[in-house]
Amino acid sequence: MLLSERNKSGATFTLLGFLDYPELQLPPFLAFLAICSVTVVGNLGMIVIIKINPTLHTPMYFFLSHLSFVDFCYSYIVAPKMLGNLVIKDRTIPFLGCIVQFFFFCTFVVTEIFLLAVTAYDHFVAVCNPLLYTVAMSQRLCAMLVVGSHAWGVGCSLILTCSALKLSFHGFNTINHFFCEFSSLLSLSCSDTSLNQLLLFIVVTFNEKSTLLIILTSYVFIVVTSLKMHSVSGRRKVFSTCVSHLSAITIFHGTILFLYWVPNSKNSRHTVKVASVFYTVVTPMLNPLIYSLRSKDVKNTVSKIMDTKFVFH
């Protein structure tokens, strides 16, 4: 896909970020730096813990390790530029750089949406068909579900990215956001963006509705099954298994749905930026904390690693 003639000359974008309050740049920088540090340590740490502990080699933790990888990736795509823009004056990014950032960000966000749905299905099988769980959730099926989620993420991102490459921009453009968000690019283009807006609507609507349908259906069956259980300990185990996943889903999908329904106007841009922080920066940090705090196996593995470290010291 070739760039439009006007973009070949090198359209440039300036990311305003959080310049609404220029005198308060240092506190957000320190806060985001701390969040990003926790995100890197938490998600990479979760992957390592699942890898070294044989008791965590189950479908649920297999999906969780990939969720941690995706969380790390899409946060890392946005965070460095966002942090840099808080401390340096040059906030420009070339058109091609903006497109590359959007492509990878969109890929990993869509992948995460479907991985959360896959994890809901995994919980459904574990609770409703426990005797057939190992057979139903075979290694081959788990691998296919993960590969399919990544492939769909790449496909959706390619559709939107290729449509963006056809847009034309004049010289220097200002994006009132902290990353190259698709709607912001459309608002700056001097081309007809009706097709781009239609594609964005189709991609967002299909992905949200299909994954939420899978999640809601899975949890309806889980609730019905748990209510039929006579054992209180059984219900507690179901609750313990599902509550962390539901927390992650609520934060992630809740933020996306909020952004989806917020009217696209100048008055709402600050609200959109603040809400975007949650699913681009805060959610990737919270996910490993949410899952680890609810898992005794994860906490035990961390304790063993810390004990081993102190012994060597």
C-alpha atoms as a PDB file:
ATOM      1  CA  MET A   1       0.000   0.000   0.000  1.00  0.00           C
ATOM      2  CA  LEU A   2       1.577   3.254  -1.147  1.00  0.00           C
ATOM      3  CA  LEU A   3       1.414   6.508   0.746  1.00  0.00           C
ATOM      4  CA  SER A   4      -0.708   9.261  -0.754  1.00  0.00           C
ATOM      5  CA  GLU A   5       1.240  11.881  -2.723  1.00  0.00           C
ATOM      6  CA  ARG A   6       0.918  14.540  -0.022  1.00  0.00           C
ATOM      7  CA  ASN A   7       2.223  12.178   2.650  1.00  0.00           C
ATOM      8  CA  LYS A   8       5.273  11.227   0.585  1.00  0.00           C
ATOM      9  CA  SER A   9       6.581  14.757   1.189  1.00  0.00           C
ATOM     10  CA  GLY A  10       6.550  14.035   4.917  1.00  0.00           C
ATOM     11  CA  ALA A  11       3.520  15.116   6.902  1.00  0.00           C
ATOM     12  CA  THR A  12       4.443  15.688  10.551  1.00  0.00           C
ATOM     13  CA  PHE A  13       2.309  15.415  13.673  1.00  0.00           C
ATOM     14  CA  THR A  14       2.661  16.989  17.095  1.00  0.00           C
ATOM     15  CA  LEU A  15       1.252  15.060  20.043  1.00  0.00           C
ATOM     16  CA  LEU A  16      -0.137  17.566  22.546  1.00  0.00           C
ATOM     17  CA  GLY A  17      -0.395  14.940  25.269  1.00  0.00           C
ATOM     18  CA  PHE A  18      -1.201  16.578  28.605  1.00  0.00           C
ATOM     19  CA  LEU A  19      -0.253  20.154  27.714  1.00  0.00           C
ATOM     20  CA  ASP A  20      -3.571  21.363  29.136  1.00  0.00           C
ATOM     21  CA  TYR A  21      -1.601  21.991  32.342  1.00  0.00           C
ATOM     22  CA  PRO A  22       1.995  22.776  31.248  1.00  0.00           C
ATOM     23  CA  GLU A  23       3.060  23.713  34.774  1.00  0.00           C
ATOM     24  CA  LEU A  24       2.213  20.205  36.022  1.00  0.00           C
ATOM     25  CA  GLN A  25       4.367  18.061  33.717  1.00  0.00           C
ATOM     26  CA  LEU A  26       6.735  16.573  36.326  1.00  0.00           C
ATOM     27  CA  PRO A  27       4.137  14.895  38.622  1.00  0.00           C
ATOM     28  CA  PRO A  28       2.446  13.057  35.702  1.00  0.00           C
ATOM     29  CA  PHE A  29       5.879  12.026  34.391  1.00  0.00           C
ATOM     30  CA  LEU A  30       6.875  10.506  37.743  1.00  0.00           C
ATOM     31  CA  ALA A  31       3.474   8.843  38.154  1.00  0.00           C
ATOM     32  CA  PHE A  32       3.493   7.336  34.634  1.00  0.00           C
ATOM     33  CA  LEU A  33       7.124   6.273  35.020  1.00  0.00           C
ATOM     34  CA  ALA A  34       6.227   4.381  38.200  1.00  0.00           C
ATOM     35  CA  ILE A  35       3.180   2.798  36.533  1.00  0.00           C
ATOM     36  CA  CYS A  36       5.214   1.745  33.484  1.00  0.00           C
ATOM     37  CA  SER A  37       7.926   0.257  35.701  1.00  0.00           C
ATOM     38  CA  VAL A  38       5.339  -1.799  37.592  1.00  0.00           C
ATOM     39  CA  THR A  39       3.793  -2.830  34.251  1.00  0.00           C
ATOM     40  CA  VAL A  40       7.112  -4.134  32.896  1.00  0.00           C
ATOM     41  CA  VAL A  41       8.077  -5.953  36.102  1.00  0.00           C
ATOM     42  CA  GLY A  42       4.556  -7.299  36.702  1.00  0.00           C
ATOM     43  CA  ASN A  43       3.855  -8.641  33.219  1.00  0.00           C
ATOM     44  CA  LEU A  44       7.320 -10.009  32.446  1.00  0.00           C
ATOM     45  CA  GLY A  45       7.457 -11.386  35.974  1.00  0.00           C
ATOM     46  CA  MET A  46       4.123 -13.147  35.467  1.00  0.00           C
ATOM     47  CA  ILE A  47       5.410 -14.759  32.261  1.00  0.00           C
ATOM     48  CA  VAL A  48       8.566 -15.984  34.032  1.00  0.00           C
ATOM     49  CA  ILE A  49       6.632 -17.304  37.039  1.00  0.00           C
ATOM     50  CA  ILE A  50       4.248 -19.277  34.821  1.00  0.00           C
ATOM     51  CA  LYS A  51       7.201 -20.629  32.844  1.00  0.00           C
ATOM     52  CA  ILE A  52       9.234 -21.886  35.831  1.00  0.00           C
ATOM     53  CA  ASN A  53       6.372 -23.325  37.904  1.00  0.00           C
ATOM     54  CA  PRO A  54       5.117 -26.679  36.503  1.00  0.00           C
ATOM     55  CA  THR A  55       1.884 -26.434  38.517  1.00  0.00           C
ATOM     56  CA  LEU A  56       0.978 -23.353  36.457  1.00  0.00           C
ATOM     57  CA  HIS A  57       1.293 -25.180  33.118  1.00  0.00           C
ATOM     58  CA  THR A  58      -2.469 -25.228  32.632  1.00  0.00           C
ATOM     59  CA  PRO A  59      -4.678 -23.697  29.915  1.00  0.00           C
ATOM     60  CA  MET A  60      -5.765 -20.852  32.228  1.00  0.00           C
ATOM     61  CA  TYR A  61      -2.188 -19.746  32.946  1.00  0.00           C
ATOM     62  CA  PHE A  62      -1.179 -20.378  29.339  1.00  0.00           C
ATOM     63  CA  PHE A  63      -3.743 -17.762  28.287  1.00  0.00           C
ATOM     64  CA  LEU A  64      -2.714 -15.520  31.183  1.00  0.00           C
ATOM     65  CA  SER A  65       0.930 -15.574  30.073  1.00  0.00           C
ATOM     66  CA  HIS A  66      -0.136 -14.398  26.613  1.00  0.00           C
ATOM     67  CA  LEU A  67      -2.344 -11.702  28.164  1.00  0.00           C
ATOM     68  CA  SER A  68       0.677 -10.490  30.115  1.00  0.00           C
ATOM     69  CA  PHE A  69       2.754 -10.425  26.926  1.00  0.00           C
ATOM     70  CA  VAL A  70       0.082  -8.430  25.070  1.00  0.00           C
ATOM     71  CA  ASP A  71      -0.351  -6.021  28.025  1.00  0.00           C
ATOM     72  CA  PHE A  72       3.392  -5.393  28.072  1.00  0.00           C
ATOM     73  CA  CYS A  73       3.541  -4.863  24.296  1.00  0.00           C
ATOM     74  CA  TYR A  74       0.734  -2.360  23.791  1.00  0.00           C
ATOM     75  CA  SER A  75       1.694  -0.403  26.882  1.00  0.00           C
ATOM     76  CA  TYR A  76       5.321  -0.251  25.725  1.00  0.00           C
ATOM     77  CA  ILE A  77       4.221   1.015  22.300  1.00  0.00           C
ATOM     78  CA  VAL A  78       2.517   4.060  23.847  1.00  0.00           C
ATOM     79  CA  ALA A  79       4.407   4.726  27.097  1.00  0.00           C
ATOM     80  CA  PRO A  80       7.915   5.764  25.878  1.00  0.00           C
ATOM     81  CA  LYS A  81       6.611   8.487  23.557  1.00  0.00           C
ATOM     82  CA  MET A  82       4.106   9.651  26.176  1.00  0.00           C
ATOM     83  CA  LEU A  83       6.822   9.902  28.854  1.00  0.00           C
ATOM     84  CA  GLY A  84       9.211  11.643  26.457  1.00  0.00           C
ATOM     85  CA  ASN A  85       6.610  14.241  25.518  1.00  0.00           C
ATOM     86  CA  LEU A  86       6.227  15.180  29.189  1.00  0.00           C
ATOM     87  CA  VAL A  87       9.879  16.205  29.558  1.00  0.00           C
ATOM     88  CA  ILE A  88      11.061  17.299  26.101  1.00  0.00           C
ATOM     89  CA  LYS A  89       9.882  20.164  23.909  1.00  0.00           C
ATOM     90  CA  ASP A  90      10.009  18.280  20.595  1.00  0.00           C
ATOM     91  CA  ARG A  91       6.720  16.381  20.537  1.00  0.00           C
ATOM     92  CA  THR A  92       6.671  15.715  16.808  1.00  0.00           C
ATOM     93  CA  ILE A  93       6.256  12.338  15.155  1.00  0.00           C
ATOM     94  CA  PRO A  94       6.423  11.674  11.371  1.00  0.00           C
ATOM     95  CA  PHE A  95       3.424  10.296   9.503  1.00  0.00           C
ATOM     96  CA  LEU A  96       5.029   6.873   9.008  1.00  0.00           C
ATOM     97  CA  GLY A  97       5.984   6.690  12.697  1.00  0.00           C
ATOM     98  CA  CYS A  98       2.415   7.559  13.647  1.00  0.00           C
ATOM     99  CA  ILE A  99       1.055   4.840  11.358  1.00  0.00           C
ATOM    100  CA  VAL A 100       3.480   2.224  12.740  1.00  0.00           C
ATOM    101  CA  GLN A 101       2.538   3.121  16.321  1.00  0.00           C
ATOM    102  CA  PHE A 102      -1.164   2.817  15.533  1.00  0.00           C
ATOM    103  CA  PHE A 103      -0.698  -0.504  13.691  1.00  0.00           C
ATOM    104  CA  PHE A 104       1.023  -2.249  16.592  1.00  0.00           C
ATOM    105  CA  PHE A 105      -1.215  -0.634  19.218  1.00  0.00           C
ATOM    106  CA  CYS A 106      -4.395  -1.689  17.391  1.00  0.00           C
ATOM    107  CA  THR A 107      -3.002  -5.201  16.844  1.00  0.00           C
ATOM    108  CA  PHE A 108      -2.353  -5.827  20.524  1.00  0.00           C
ATOM    109  CA  VAL A 109      -5.566  -4.176  21.773  1.00  0.00           C
ATOM    110  CA  VAL A 110      -7.746  -6.332  19.489  1.00  0.00           C
ATOM    111  CA  THR A 111      -5.709  -9.396  20.464  1.00  0.00           C
ATOM    112  CA  GLU A 112      -6.309  -8.632  24.142  1.00  0.00           C
ATOM    113  CA  ILE A 113     -10.063  -8.281  23.560  1.00  0.00           C
ATOM    114  CA  PHE A 114     -10.233 -11.789  22.096  1.00  0.00           C
ATOM    115  CA  LEU A 115      -7.831 -13.311  24.631  1.00  0.00           C
ATOM    116  CA  LEU A 116     -10.143 -12.103  27.407  1.00  0.00           C
ATOM    117  CA  ALA A 117     -13.041 -13.822  25.627  1.00  0.00           C
ATOM    118  CA  VAL A 118     -10.962 -16.998  25.209  1.00  0.00           C
ATOM    119  CA  THR A 119     -10.155 -16.945  28.932  1.00  0.00           C
ATOM    120  CA  ALA A 120     -13.880 -16.646  29.717  1.00  0.00           C
ATOM    121  CA  TYR A 121     -14.535 -19.739  27.581  1.00  0.00           C
ATOM    122  CA  ASP A 122     -11.730 -21.548  29.437  1.00  0.00           C
ATOM    123  CA  HIS A 123     -13.398 -20.728  32.771  1.00  0.00           C
ATOM    124  CA  PHE A 124     -16.731 -21.966  31.381  1.00  0.00           C
ATOM    125  CA  VAL A 125     -15.240 -25.340  30.453  1.00  0.00           C
ATOM    126  CA  ALA A 126     -13.386 -25.615  33.782  1.00  0.00           C
ATOM    127  CA  VAL A 127     -16.538 -24.964  35.846  1.00  0.00           C
ATOM    128  CA  CYS A 128     -19.249 -26.591  33.730  1.00  0.00           C
ATOM    129  CA  ASN A 129     -17.302 -29.601  32.434  1.00  0.00           C
ATOM    130  CA  PRO A 130     -14.509 -30.228  34.962  1.00  0.00           C
ATOM    131  CA  LEU A 131     -14.160 -33.949  34.153  1.00  0.00           C
ATOM    132  CA  LEU A 132     -13.628 -33.217  30.447  1.00  0.00           C
ATOM    133  CA  TYR A 133     -11.544 -30.085  30.981  1.00  0.00           C
ATOM    134  CA  THR A 134      -8.146 -31.524  30.035  1.00  0.00           C
ATOM    135  CA  VAL A 135      -9.648 -33.188  26.965  1.00  0.00           C
ATOM    136  CA  ALA A 136     -11.725 -30.185  25.848  1.00  0.00           C
ATOM    137  CA  MET A 137      -8.932 -27.647  26.401  1.00  0.00           C
ATOM    138  CA  SER A 138      -6.159 -29.569  24.677  1.00  0.00           C
ATOM    139  CA  GLN A 139      -2.769 -28.008  23.957  1.00  0.00           C
ATOM    140  CA  ARG A 140      -3.620 -27.908  20.259  1.00  0.00           C
ATOM    141  CA  LEU A 141      -6.894 -26.045  20.859  1.00  0.00           C
ATOM    142  CA  CYS A 142      -5.237 -23.586  23.264  1.00  0.00           C
ATOM    143  CA  ALA A 143      -2.507 -22.851  20.732  1.00  0.00           C
ATOM    144  CA  MET A 144      -5.081 -22.364  17.967  1.00  0.00           C
ATOM    145  CA  LEU A 145      -7.126 -19.955  20.106  1.00  0.00           C
ATOM    146  CA  VAL A 146      -4.054 -17.859  20.922  1.00  0.00           C
ATOM    147  CA  VAL A 147      -2.764 -17.842  17.333  1.00  0.00           C
ATOM    148  CA  GLY A 148      -6.271 -17.010  16.097  1.00  0.00           C
ATOM    149  CA  SER A 149      -6.512 -14.067  18.507  1.00  0.00           C
ATOM    150  CA  HIS A 150      -3.176 -12.676  17.324  1.00  0.00           C
ATOM    151  CA  ALA A 151      -4.049 -13.257  13.667  1.00  0.00           C
ATOM    152  CA  TRP A 152      -7.396 -11.484  14.041  1.00  0.00           C
ATOM    153  CA  GLY A 153      -5.659  -8.591  15.778  1.00  0.00           C
ATOM    154  CA  VAL A 154      -3.203  -8.249  12.889  1.00  0.00           C
ATOM    155  CA  GLY A 155      -6.031  -8.510  10.341  1.00  0.00           C
ATOM    156  CA  CYS A 156      -8.178  -5.797  11.947  1.00  0.00           C
ATOM    157  CA  SER A 157      -5.152  -3.544  12.363  1.00  0.00           C
ATOM    158  CA  LEU A 158      -4.123  -4.015   8.726  1.00  0.00           C
ATOM    159  CA  ILE A 159      -7.603  -3.030   7.510  1.00  0.00           C
ATOM    160  CA  LEU A 160      -7.584   0.245   9.471  1.00  0.00           C
ATOM    161  CA  THR A 161      -3.905   0.984   8.824  1.00  0.00           C
ATOM    162  CA  CYS A 162      -4.202   0.491   5.058  1.00  0.00           C
ATOM    163  CA  SER A 163      -7.210   2.783   4.997  1.00  0.00           C
ATOM    164  CA  ALA A 164      -5.218   5.415   6.934  1.00  0.00           C
ATOM    165  CA  LEU A 165      -2.341   5.229   4.435  1.00  0.00           C
ATOM    166  CA  LYS A 166      -4.685   6.579   1.741  1.00  0.00           C
ATOM    167  CA  LEU A 167      -5.408   9.736   3.734  1.00  0.00           C
ATOM    168  CA  SER A 168      -3.829  13.070   2.870  1.00  0.00           C
ATOM    169  CA  PHE A 169      -2.465  15.588   5.359  1.00  0.00           C
ATOM    170  CA  HIS A 170      -1.099  19.124   5.000  1.00  0.00           C
ATOM    171  CA  GLY A 171       2.359  19.796   6.477  1.00  0.00           C
ATOM    172  CA  PHE A 172       2.292  20.069  10.275  1.00  0.00           C
ATOM    173  CA  ASN A 173      -0.690  18.689  12.207  1.00  0.00           C
ATOM    174  CA  THR A 174      -1.549  18.760  15.903  1.00  0.00           C
ATOM    175  CA  ILE A 175      -3.036  15.652  17.561  1.00  0.00           C
ATOM    176  CA  ASN A 176      -4.812  16.466  20.811  1.00  0.00           C
ATOM    177  CA  HIS A 177      -3.842  13.134  22.353  1.00  0.00           C
ATOM    178  CA  PHE A 178      -0.793  11.359  23.805  1.00  0.00           C
ATOM    179  CA  PHE A 179      -0.597   8.743  21.026  1.00  0.00           C
ATOM    180  CA  CYS A 180      -1.633   8.358  17.379  1.00  0.00           C
ATOM    181  CA  GLU A 181      -5.272   7.479  17.933  1.00  0.00           C
ATOM    182  CA  PHE A 182      -7.242   6.627  14.781  1.00  0.00           C
ATOM    183  CA  SER A 183     -10.133   9.080  15.280  1.00  0.00           C
ATOM    184  CA  SER A 184      -7.660  11.912  15.867  1.00  0.00           C
ATOM    185  CA  LEU A 185      -5.942  11.132  12.558  1.00  0.00           C
ATOM    186  CA  LEU A 186      -9.268  11.151  10.741  1.00  0.00           C
ATOM    187  CA  SER A 187     -10.204  14.550  12.163  1.00  0.00           C
ATOM    188  CA  LEU A 188      -6.961  16.061  10.798  1.00  0.00           C
ATOM    189  CA  SER A 189      -7.125  14.582   7.304  1.00  0.00           C
ATOM    190  CA  CYS A 190      -8.048  16.724   4.316  1.00  0.00           C
ATOM    191  CA  SER A 191      -9.370  13.615   2.519  1.00  0.00           C
ATOM    192  CA  ASP A 192     -12.832  12.104   2.582  1.00  0.00           C
ATOM    193  CA  THR A 193     -12.843   9.927   5.714  1.00  0.00           C
ATOM    194  CA  SER A 194     -16.324   8.417   5.411  1.00  0.00           C
ATOM    195  CA  LEU A 195     -14.937   4.983   4.446  1.00  0.00           C
ATOM    196  CA  ASN A 196     -12.401   5.084   7.299  1.00  0.00           C
ATOM    197  CA  GLN A 197     -15.119   5.964   9.804  1.00  0.00           C
ATOM    198  CA  LEU A 198     -17.299   3.139   8.506  1.00  0.00           C
ATOM    199  CA  LEU A 199     -14.447   0.631   8.786  1.00  0.00           C
ATOM    200  CA  LEU A 200     -13.669   1.832  12.321  1.00  0.00           C
ATOM    201  CA  PHE A 201     -17.329   1.493  13.315  1.00  0.00           C
ATOM    202  CA  ILE A 202     -17.553  -2.053  11.868  1.00  0.00           C
ATOM    203  CA  VAL A 203     -14.297  -3.232  13.491  1.00  0.00           C
ATOM    204  CA  VAL A 204     -15.073  -1.783  16.938  1.00  0.00           C
ATOM    205  CA  THR A 205     -18.728  -2.874  16.942  1.00  0.00           C
ATOM    206  CA  PHE A 206     -18.040  -6.426  15.757  1.00  0.00           C
ATOM    207  CA  ASN A 207     -15.121  -7.004  18.131  1.00  0.00           C
ATOM    208  CA  GLU A 208     -16.891  -5.591  21.169  1.00  0.00           C
ATOM    209  CA  LYS A 209     -20.255  -7.284  20.574  1.00  0.00           C
ATOM    210  CA  SER A 210     -18.837 -10.682  19.622  1.00  0.00           C
ATOM    211  CA  THR A 211     -16.406 -10.900  22.539  1.00  0.00           C
ATOM    212  CA  LEU A 212     -18.903  -9.568  25.082  1.00  0.00           C
ATOM    213  CA  LEU A 213     -21.434 -12.130  23.831  1.00  0.00           C
ATOM    214  CA  ILE A 214     -18.912 -14.929  24.400  1.00  0.00           C
ATOM    215  CA  ILE A 215     -18.032 -13.578  27.855  1.00  0.00           C
ATOM    216  CA  LEU A 216     -21.638 -13.025  28.989  1.00  0.00           C
ATOM    217  CA  THR A 217     -22.785 -16.422  27.678  1.00  0.00           C
ATOM    218  CA  SER A 218     -19.882 -18.170  29.410  1.00  0.00           C
ATOM    219  CA  TYR A 219     -20.595 -16.489  32.730  1.00  0.00           C
ATOM    220  CA  VAL A 220     -24.349 -17.129  32.551  1.00  0.00           C
ATOM    221  CA  PHE A 221     -23.583 -20.860  32.357  1.00  0.00           C
ATOM    222  CA  ILE A 222     -20.967 -20.505  35.109  1.00  0.00           C
ATOM    223  CA  VAL A 223     -23.464 -18.780  37.436  1.00  0.00           C
ATOM    224  CA  VAL A 224     -26.174 -21.378  36.713  1.00  0.00           C
ATOM    225  CA  THR A 225     -23.718 -24.217  37.351  1.00  0.00           C
ATOM    226  CA  SER A 226     -22.414 -22.685  40.585  1.00  0.00           C
ATOM    227  CA  LEU A 227     -25.953 -22.201  41.921  1.00  0.00           C
ATOM    228  CA  LYS A 228     -26.577 -25.912  41.447  1.00  0.00           C
ATOM    229  CA  MET A 229     -23.534 -26.799  43.546  1.00  0.00           C
ATOM    230  CA  HIS A 230     -24.319 -28.113  47.013  1.00  0.00           C
ATOM    231  CA  SER A 231     -20.785 -27.555  48.272  1.00  0.00           C
ATOM    232  CA  VAL A 232     -19.980 -24.124  49.696  1.00  0.00           C
ATOM    233  CA  SER A 233     -16.270 -24.713  49.073  1.00  0.00           C
ATOM    234  CA  GLY A 234     -17.085 -25.458  45.423  1.00  0.00           C
ATOM    235  CA  ARG A 235     -18.852 -22.135  45.027  1.00  0.00           C
ATOM    236  CA  ARG A 236     -15.943 -20.344  46.699  1.00  0.00           C
ATOM    237  CA  LYS A 237     -13.523 -21.992  44.299  1.00  0.00           C
ATOM    238  CA  VAL A 238     -15.623 -20.846  41.317  1.00  0.00           C
ATOM    239  CA  PHE A 239     -15.791 -17.334  42.726  1.00  0.00           C
ATOM    240  CA  SER A 240     -12.029 -17.263  43.342  1.00  0.00           C
ATOM    241  CA  THR A 241     -11.353 -18.490  39.807  1.00  0.00           C
ATOM    242  CA  CYS A 242     -13.605 -15.982  38.067  1.00  0.00           C
ATOM    243  CA  VAL A 243     -13.441 -12.784  40.130  1.00  0.00           C
ATOM    244  CA  SER A 244      -9.975 -11.739  38.915  1.00  0.00           C
ATOM    245  CA  HIS A 245     -10.954 -12.303  35.292  1.00  0.00           C
ATOM    246  CA  LEU A 246     -14.193 -10.361  35.719  1.00  0.00           C
ATOM    247  CA  SER A 247     -12.262  -7.481  37.299  1.00  0.00           C
ATOM    248  CA  ALA A 248      -9.907  -7.291  34.317  1.00  0.00           C
ATOM    249  CA  ILE A 249     -12.824  -7.480  31.866  1.00  0.00           C
ATOM    250  CA  THR A 250     -14.790  -4.763  33.673  1.00  0.00           C
ATOM    251  CA  ILE A 251     -11.883  -2.303  33.658  1.00  0.00           C
ATOM    252  CA  PHE A 252     -10.825  -2.980  30.063  1.00  0.00           C
ATOM    253  CA  HIS A 253     -14.184  -3.265  28.315  1.00  0.00           C
ATOM    254  CA  GLY A 254     -15.756  -0.617  30.552  1.00  0.00           C
ATOM    255  CA  THR A 255     -13.184   1.935  29.436  1.00  0.00           C
ATOM    256  CA  ILE A 256     -13.534   1.029  25.750  1.00  0.00           C
ATOM    257  CA  LEU A 257     -17.339   1.209  25.892  1.00  0.00           C
ATOM    258  CA  PHE A 258     -17.107   4.561  27.658  1.00  0.00           C
ATOM    259  CA  LEU A 259     -14.831   5.921  24.910  1.00  0.00           C
ATOM    260  CA  TYR A 260     -17.144   4.426  22.290  1.00  0.00           C
ATOM    261  CA  TRP A 261     -20.163   6.369  23.573  1.00  0.00           C
ATOM    262  CA  VAL A 262     -18.442   9.671  24.412  1.00  0.00           C
ATOM    263  CA  PRO A 263     -19.392  12.249  21.726  1.00  0.00           C
ATOM    264  CA  ASN A 264     -16.475  13.256  19.522  1.00  0.00           C
ATOM    265  CA  SER A 265     -16.200  16.970  20.215  1.00  0.00           C
ATOM    266  CA  LYS A 266     -13.567  19.461  21.360  1.00  0.00           C
ATOM    267  CA  ASN A 267     -15.099  19.601  24.836  1.00  0.00           C
ATOM    268  CA  SER A 268     -14.765  15.830  25.274  1.00  0.00           C
ATOM    269  CA  ARG A 269     -11.099  15.506  24.219  1.00  0.00           C
ATOM    270  CA  HIS A 270      -9.767  15.907  27.757  1.00  0.00           C
ATOM    271  CA  THR A 271     -12.206  13.246  29.012  1.00  0.00           C
ATOM    272  CA  VAL A 272     -11.151  10.923  26.197  1.00  0.00           C
ATOM    273  CA  LYS A 273      -7.463  11.384  27.031  1.00  0.00           C
ATOM    274  CA  VAL A 274      -7.981  10.658  30.723  1.00  0.00           C
ATOM    275  CA  ALA A 275     -10.090   7.586  29.963  1.00  0.00           C
ATOM    276  CA  SER A 276      -7.519   6.392  27.407  1.00  0.00           C
ATOM    277  CA  VAL A 277      -4.883   6.377  30.142  1.00  0.00           C
ATOM    278  CA  PHE A 278      -6.810   3.585  31.865  1.00  0.00           C
ATOM    279  CA  TYR A 279      -6.738   1.045  29.049  1.00  0.00           C
ATOM    280  CA  THR A 280      -3.320   2.029  27.657  1.00  0.00           C
ATOM    281  CA  VAL A 281      -1.334   2.486  30.879  1.00  0.00           C
ATOM    282  CA  VAL A 282      -3.295   1.585  34.027  1.00  0.00           C
ATOM    283  CA  THR A 283      -4.962  -1.667  32.889  1.00  0.00           C
ATOM    284  CA  PRO A 284      -1.688  -3.347  31.799  1.00  0.00           C
ATOM    285  CA  MET A 285      -0.310  -2.551  35.258  1.00  0.00           C
ATOM    286  CA  LEU A 286      -3.380  -3.811  37.144  1.00  0.00           C
ATOM    287  CA  ASN A 287      -3.856  -7.113  35.295  1.00  0.00           C
ATOM    288  CA  PRO A 288      -0.818  -8.981  36.707  1.00  0.00           C
ATOM    289  CA  LEU A 289      -1.590  -7.590  40.178  1.00  0.00           C
ATOM    290  CA  ILE A 290      -5.233  -8.697  39.969  1.00  0.00           C
ATOM    291  CA  TYR A 291      -4.401 -12.218  38.793  1.00  0.00           C
ATOM    292  CA  SER A 292      -1.435 -12.760  41.122  1.00  0.00           C
ATOM    293  CA  LEU A 293      -3.272 -11.616  44.255  1.00  0.00           C
ATOM    294  CA  ARG A 294      -6.029 -14.202  43.620  1.00  0.00           C
ATOM    295  CA  SER A 295      -3.634 -17.110  42.930  1.00  0.00           C
ATOM    296  CA  LYS A 296      -1.976 -19.026  45.755  1.00  0.00           C
ATOM    297  CA  ASP A 297       0.316 -20.804  43.273  1.00  0.00           C
ATOM    298  CA  VAL A 298       1.612 -17.509  41.914  1.00  0.00           C
ATOM    299  CA  LYS A 299       2.140 -16.071  45.396  1.00  0.00           C
ATOM    300  CA  ASN A 300       3.920 -19.257  46.520  1.00  0.00           C
ATOM    301  CA  THR A 301       6.222 -19.115  43.484  1.00  0.00           C
ATOM    302  CA  VAL A 302       7.074 -15.473  44.199  1.00  0.00           C
ATOM    303  CA  SER A 303       7.805 -16.354  47.844  1.00  0.00           C
ATOM    304  CA  LYS A 304      10.145 -19.185  46.769  1.00  0.00           C
ATOM    305  CA  ILE A 305      11.970 -16.880  44.355  1.00  0.00           C
ATOM    306  CA  MET A 306      12.397 -14.249  47.090  1.00  0.00           C
ATOM    307  CA  ASP A 307      13.582 -16.870  49.610  1.00  0.00           C
ATOM    308  CA  THR A 308      16.112 -18.218  47.105  1.00  0.00           C
ATOM    309  CA  LYS A 309      17.380 -14.696  46.439  1.00  0.00           C
ATOM    310  CA  PHE A 310      17.896 -14.014  50.143  1.00  0.00           C
ATOM    311  CA  VAL A 311      19.674 -17.363  50.614  1.00  0.00           C
ATOM    312  CA  PHE A 312      22.203 -16.525  47.874  1.00  0.00           C
ATOM    313  CA  HIS A 313      22.778 -13.104  49.442  1.00  0.00           C
END
